[in-house]
Amino acid sequence: MTSRKITHRAVLATPGYGTPARGRDRMKLKVMVARTLLIICVLALWQGVVSIGWVDPFWISSPLLVAKELWAQTVGGTLLTDIGVTVFEALIAFVISSVLGIASGLMLARSPFWDTVLAPLIVMLNSMPRVAIAPLIILWFGIGLAAKVITAFTLVYFILLINTLSGAKNVDNDIRTIALLMGASRRDMLLKVTLPSALPWIFAGLNLGLTYSLLGVIVAEILSSNEGLGFVIAHSAGNFNTAGVFAGLIALSLVAWFFAIVMRIVEARLLAWKPSTTSA
């Protein structure tokens, strides 16, 4: 009886025991404070270097100039419009690429023959630099929506294809065998065994693909466009407006951060049975 009491007291004395929620809250607070301090230090150093005169603001601008540029573009309404255009194009490319990439990966997983036949071609196409083929895409499809979506598609499609195919190939053999012994059809194997087992791989690809859809759209907008965040960056650079370039980059970073948060929430809902693969 005495030893049980001692053991129980020892466990209760363990740091963080009995208050996991409080421990998580403290850790979140520490992370937020550390991030905030890091951002403040970087901005202060940036502003200090410019204010002292070590670097001409023409080259790196300054936090104050960038803030003024962001405010001017926001008040004028152009920044929100450009953000909306880029987000719309990126989401269209992401949805189309994800659906086709996941479907292709599952189909190749069901056909080892075609997987072997197409593997070198997939590797070759995926290794092709998209920046190099973006001008060709613009030449074929113009500077409208189609060119941006297709440029982003060439990035995201292969990410989802390869991740889905890898996840489908790594289904536990014991689970597969049990399902077959229980009389599962090919459709049951696909929907109830392969797809659920591949979901962590698919979501890892979706997290990466959502960011790369923005990257593909931005590349196309920088090369040839008259709207969007890529246009803001390219136009500002062409006019030697460094603050405008940083304003566009900051807006793009905020959009990517928002996308990551949304995907993290969706992943947490659908994959509550496993740890999140998404970084904060």
Protein backbone atom coordinates (compact mmCIF):
# COMPACT_ATOMS: atom_id res chain seq x y z
CA MET A 1 0.00 0.00 0.00
CA THR A 2 2.84 2.35 0.93
CA SER A 3 4.78 1.63 -2.26
CA ARG A 4 1.67 2.36 -4.35
CA LYS A 5 1.26 5.76 -2.65
CA ILE A 6 4.91 6.59 -3.21
CA THR A 7 4.69 5.62 -6.88
CA HIS A 8 1.51 7.65 -7.33
CA ARG A 9 3.09 10.71 -5.71
CA ALA A 10 6.19 10.33 -7.87
CA VAL A 11 4.11 10.25 -11.03
CA LEU A 12 2.13 13.29 -9.95
CA ALA A 13 5.38 15.10 -9.24
CA THR A 14 6.50 14.60 -12.83
CA PRO A 15 6.68 18.00 -14.57
CA GLY A 16 3.61 18.62 -16.70
CA TYR A 17 1.78 15.50 -15.45
CA GLY A 18 -1.94 15.97 -14.99
CA THR A 19 -1.95 19.28 -16.88
CA PRO A 20 -1.23 18.43 -20.53
CA ALA A 21 -3.47 21.25 -21.75
CA ARG A 22 -1.65 23.78 -19.58
CA GLY A 23 1.70 22.49 -20.79
CA ARG A 24 0.63 22.79 -24.42
CA ASP A 25 -0.67 26.32 -23.83
CA ARG A 26 2.63 27.34 -22.26
CA MET A 27 4.57 25.87 -25.16
CA LYS A 28 2.35 27.68 -27.70
CA LEU A 29 2.85 30.93 -25.80
CA LYS A 30 6.63 30.45 -25.77
CA VAL A 31 6.63 29.72 -29.50
CA MET A 32 4.55 32.81 -30.26
CA VAL A 33 6.75 35.02 -28.09
CA ALA A 34 9.92 33.63 -29.70
CA ARG A 35 8.54 34.18 -33.20
CA THR A 36 7.42 37.71 -32.40
CA LEU A 37 10.78 38.62 -30.90
CA LEU A 38 12.62 37.13 -33.86
CA ILE A 39 10.53 39.15 -36.33
CA ILE A 40 11.01 42.34 -34.30
CA CYS A 41 14.78 41.79 -34.15
CA VAL A 42 15.00 41.22 -37.92
CA LEU A 43 12.91 44.32 -38.68
CA ALA A 44 14.87 46.43 -36.19
CA LEU A 45 18.18 45.29 -37.68
CA TRP A 46 16.91 45.97 -41.19
CA GLN A 47 15.70 49.45 -40.30
CA GLY A 48 18.86 50.19 -38.33
CA VAL A 49 21.17 49.24 -41.18
CA VAL A 50 19.30 51.62 -43.49
CA SER A 51 18.93 54.44 -40.94
CA ILE A 52 22.61 54.42 -40.04
CA GLY A 53 23.48 54.58 -43.70
CA TRP A 54 25.37 51.32 -44.05
CA VAL A 55 23.18 50.31 -47.01
CA ASP A 56 21.32 52.55 -49.42
CA PRO A 57 17.54 52.00 -49.14
CA PHE A 58 17.45 51.90 -52.94
CA TRP A 59 18.83 48.35 -52.70
CA ILE A 60 16.98 46.86 -49.73
CA SER A 61 14.31 49.48 -48.92
CA SER A 62 13.32 49.55 -45.21
CA PRO A 63 10.46 48.30 -43.02
CA LEU A 64 8.97 51.80 -42.84
CA LEU A 65 9.04 52.27 -46.61
CA VAL A 66 7.57 48.82 -47.17
CA ALA A 67 4.81 49.52 -44.65
CA LYS A 68 3.97 52.78 -46.44
CA GLU A 69 3.88 50.95 -49.78
CA LEU A 70 1.61 48.23 -48.39
CA TRP A 71 -0.72 50.85 -46.91
CA ALA A 72 -0.84 52.84 -50.15
CA GLN A 73 -1.63 49.76 -52.24
CA THR A 74 -4.22 48.55 -49.72
CA VAL A 75 -6.00 51.89 -49.55
CA GLY A 76 -5.94 52.16 -53.33
CA GLY A 77 -7.53 48.71 -53.60
CA THR A 78 -4.97 47.37 -56.04
CA LEU A 79 -3.25 45.04 -53.56
CA LEU A 80 -6.44 43.23 -52.55
CA THR A 81 -7.42 42.87 -56.20
CA ASP A 82 -4.04 41.41 -57.11
CA ILE A 83 -4.18 39.03 -54.13
CA GLY A 84 -7.62 37.87 -55.20
CA VAL A 85 -6.45 37.21 -58.75
CA THR A 86 -3.43 35.19 -57.62
CA VAL A 87 -5.41 33.19 -55.05
CA PHE A 88 -8.15 32.41 -57.59
CA GLU A 89 -5.65 31.19 -60.18
CA ALA A 90 -3.68 29.16 -57.63
CA LEU A 91 -6.79 27.45 -56.23
CA ILE A 92 -8.03 26.47 -59.69
CA ALA A 93 -4.63 24.99 -60.55
CA PHE A 94 -4.43 23.25 -57.16
CA VAL A 95 -7.86 21.61 -57.42
CA ILE A 96 -7.39 20.39 -60.99
CA SER A 97 -3.85 19.15 -60.34
CA SER A 98 -4.79 17.42 -57.09
CA VAL A 99 -7.79 15.57 -58.53
CA LEU A 100 -5.90 14.38 -61.61
CA GLY A 101 -2.69 13.64 -59.68
CA ILE A 102 -4.44 11.55 -57.01
CA ALA A 103 -6.51 9.69 -59.60
CA SER A 104 -3.42 8.97 -61.73
CA GLY A 105 -1.46 7.73 -58.72
CA LEU A 106 -4.23 5.34 -57.67
CA MET A 107 -4.63 4.00 -61.22
CA LEU A 108 -0.90 3.39 -61.60
CA ALA A 109 -0.86 1.65 -58.22
CA ARG A 110 -3.46 -0.79 -59.53
CA SER A 111 -1.44 -1.49 -62.68
CA PRO A 112 2.20 -2.44 -62.00
CA PHE A 113 2.75 -2.89 -65.76
CA TRP A 114 1.87 0.70 -66.66
CA ASP A 115 3.68 1.95 -63.56
CA THR A 116 6.86 0.32 -64.87
CA VAL A 117 6.29 1.60 -68.41
CA LEU A 118 5.59 5.21 -67.40
CA ALA A 119 8.08 5.54 -64.53
CA PRO A 120 11.00 6.90 -66.65
CA LEU A 121 8.69 9.32 -68.45
CA ILE A 122 7.29 10.62 -65.16
CA VAL A 123 10.79 11.11 -63.77
CA MET A 124 11.90 12.93 -66.93
CA LEU A 125 8.89 15.27 -67.02
CA ASN A 126 9.08 15.97 -63.29
CA SER A 127 12.76 16.87 -63.48
CA MET A 128 12.18 19.40 -66.26
CA PRO A 129 12.69 23.00 -64.98
CA ARG A 130 9.29 24.72 -65.05
CA VAL A 131 10.80 28.19 -65.35
CA ALA A 132 12.31 27.08 -68.66
CA ILE A 133 9.02 25.83 -70.11
CA ALA A 134 6.87 28.67 -68.72
CA PRO A 135 7.67 30.98 -71.71
CA LEU A 136 6.62 28.17 -74.05
CA ILE A 137 3.33 27.75 -72.16
CA ILE A 138 2.71 31.51 -72.40
CA LEU A 139 3.50 31.38 -76.12
CA TRP A 140 0.91 28.63 -76.60
CA PHE A 141 -1.83 29.86 -74.27
CA GLY A 142 -1.26 33.62 -74.03
CA ILE A 143 -1.18 35.67 -70.83
CA GLY A 144 -4.64 34.79 -69.56
CA LEU A 145 -5.87 32.41 -66.90
CA ALA A 146 -5.05 29.24 -68.83
CA ALA A 147 -1.29 29.92 -68.98
CA LYS A 148 -1.05 30.48 -65.22
CA VAL A 149 -3.12 27.43 -64.37
CA ILE A 150 -1.14 25.18 -66.72
CA THR A 151 2.20 26.47 -65.40
CA ALA A 152 1.12 25.67 -61.84
CA PHE A 153 -0.36 22.35 -63.00
CA THR A 154 3.04 21.19 -64.27
CA LEU A 155 4.38 21.64 -60.73
CA VAL A 156 1.54 20.31 -58.58
CA TYR A 157 0.34 17.36 -60.68
CA PHE A 158 3.55 15.36 -60.35
CA ILE A 159 3.79 16.02 -56.62
CA LEU A 160 0.35 14.49 -56.04
CA LEU A 161 0.96 11.70 -58.53
CA ILE A 162 4.23 10.58 -56.94
CA ASN A 163 3.01 10.95 -53.35
CA THR A 164 -0.23 9.06 -54.01
CA LEU A 165 1.59 6.32 -55.87
CA SER A 166 4.16 5.97 -53.08
CA GLY A 167 1.43 5.83 -50.43
CA ALA A 168 -0.57 3.24 -52.38
CA LYS A 169 2.53 1.07 -52.76
CA ASN A 170 3.23 1.15 -49.03
CA VAL A 171 -0.05 -0.38 -47.87
CA ASP A 172 0.54 -2.90 -45.10
CA ASN A 173 0.65 -6.39 -46.64
CA ASP A 174 -1.13 -7.87 -43.63
CA ILE A 175 -4.06 -5.50 -44.08
CA ARG A 176 -4.16 -6.27 -47.79
CA THR A 177 -4.11 -10.01 -47.15
CA ILE A 178 -6.84 -9.86 -44.52
CA ALA A 179 -9.06 -7.79 -46.82
CA LEU A 180 -8.60 -10.29 -49.65
CA LEU A 181 -9.36 -13.24 -47.36
CA MET A 182 -12.57 -11.49 -46.31
CA GLY A 183 -13.64 -11.33 -49.94
CA ALA A 184 -12.94 -7.67 -50.70
CA SER A 185 -13.44 -6.72 -54.33
CA ARG A 186 -11.01 -4.56 -56.31
CA ARG A 187 -13.26 -1.57 -55.65
CA ASP A 188 -13.30 -2.32 -51.91
CA MET A 189 -9.53 -2.68 -51.91
CA LEU A 190 -9.18 0.71 -53.56
CA LEU A 191 -11.68 2.66 -51.48
CA LYS A 192 -11.38 0.90 -48.10
CA VAL A 193 -7.75 -0.23 -47.98
CA THR A 194 -5.48 1.57 -50.46
CA LEU A 195 -6.95 5.08 -50.29
CA PRO A 196 -7.17 5.30 -46.46
CA SER A 197 -3.63 3.95 -46.12
CA ALA A 198 -2.33 6.46 -48.67
CA LEU A 199 -4.09 9.48 -47.09
CA PRO A 200 -1.05 10.60 -45.02
CA TRP A 201 1.07 10.56 -48.19
CA ILE A 202 -1.65 12.37 -50.12
CA PHE A 203 -1.96 15.10 -47.50
CA ALA A 204 1.81 15.54 -47.46
CA GLY A 205 1.56 16.11 -51.21
CA LEU A 206 -1.43 18.46 -50.82
CA ASN A 207 0.46 20.58 -48.30
CA LEU A 208 3.39 20.89 -50.68
CA GLY A 209 1.20 21.23 -53.76
CA LEU A 210 -0.77 24.15 -52.36
CA THR A 211 2.44 26.12 -51.94
CA TYR A 212 3.74 25.10 -55.36
CA SER A 213 0.47 26.15 -57.01
CA LEU A 214 1.21 29.67 -55.79
CA LEU A 215 4.78 29.36 -57.06
CA GLY A 216 3.67 28.30 -60.54
CA VAL A 217 1.13 31.10 -60.81
CA ILE A 218 3.65 33.70 -59.61
CA VAL A 219 6.22 32.53 -62.17
CA ALA A 220 3.70 32.93 -65.00
CA GLU A 221 2.55 36.33 -63.68
CA ILE A 222 6.11 37.61 -63.45
CA LEU A 223 6.93 36.53 -66.99
CA SER A 224 3.82 37.92 -68.65
CA SER A 225 0.75 39.33 -66.91
CA ASN A 226 -1.03 42.57 -66.13
CA GLU A 227 -2.50 41.55 -62.77
CA GLY A 228 -1.72 39.45 -59.72
CA LEU A 229 1.05 39.50 -57.12
CA GLY A 230 3.59 38.34 -59.68
CA PHE A 231 2.75 41.39 -61.77
CA VAL A 232 3.15 43.62 -58.68
CA ILE A 233 6.63 42.21 -58.06
CA ALA A 234 7.73 42.40 -61.70
CA HIS A 235 6.25 45.87 -62.26
CA SER A 236 7.85 47.24 -59.09
CA ALA A 237 11.22 45.74 -60.02
CA GLY A 238 10.95 47.25 -63.50
CA ASN A 239 10.37 50.67 -61.96
CA PHE A 240 13.21 50.24 -59.43
CA ASN A 241 10.63 50.34 -56.61
CA THR A 242 12.29 48.08 -54.04
CA ALA A 243 9.60 48.76 -51.46
CA GLY A 244 6.97 47.61 -53.95
CA VAL A 245 8.88 44.37 -54.55
CA PHE A 246 9.03 43.67 -50.82
CA ALA A 247 5.35 44.59 -50.45
CA GLY A 248 4.44 41.99 -53.07
CA LEU A 249 6.67 39.38 -51.45
CA ILE A 250 5.17 40.02 -48.01
CA ALA A 251 1.63 39.75 -49.40
CA LEU A 252 2.59 36.50 -51.12
CA SER A 253 4.08 35.14 -47.88
CA LEU A 254 0.89 35.96 -45.98
CA VAL A 255 -1.22 34.18 -48.58
CA ALA A 256 1.02 31.09 -48.40
CA TRP A 257 0.84 31.18 -44.59
CA PHE A 258 -2.96 31.36 -44.73
CA PHE A 259 -3.05 28.41 -47.13
CA ALA A 260 -0.87 26.40 -44.75
CA ILE A 261 -3.18 27.12 -41.81
CA VAL A 262 -6.27 26.07 -43.79
CA MET A 263 -4.61 22.86 -44.93
CA ARG A 264 -3.47 22.13 -41.38
CA ILE A 265 -7.06 22.46 -40.11
CA VAL A 266 -8.41 20.20 -42.86
CA GLU A 267 -5.71 17.64 -42.19
CA ALA A 268 -6.40 17.67 -38.46
CA ARG A 269 -10.10 17.00 -39.13
CA LEU A 270 -9.61 14.18 -41.62
CA LEU A 271 -6.52 12.59 -40.06
CA ALA A 272 -7.35 12.95 -36.38
CA TRP A 273 -6.00 9.41 -35.80
CA LYS A 274 -2.40 10.37 -36.63
CA PRO A 275 0.03 13.20 -35.80
CA SER A 276 -0.14 16.18 -38.18
CA THR A 277 2.40 16.19 -41.01
CA THR A 278 2.09 19.94 -41.34
CA SER A 279 4.52 22.35 -39.79
CA ALA A 280 3.33 25.44 -37.96
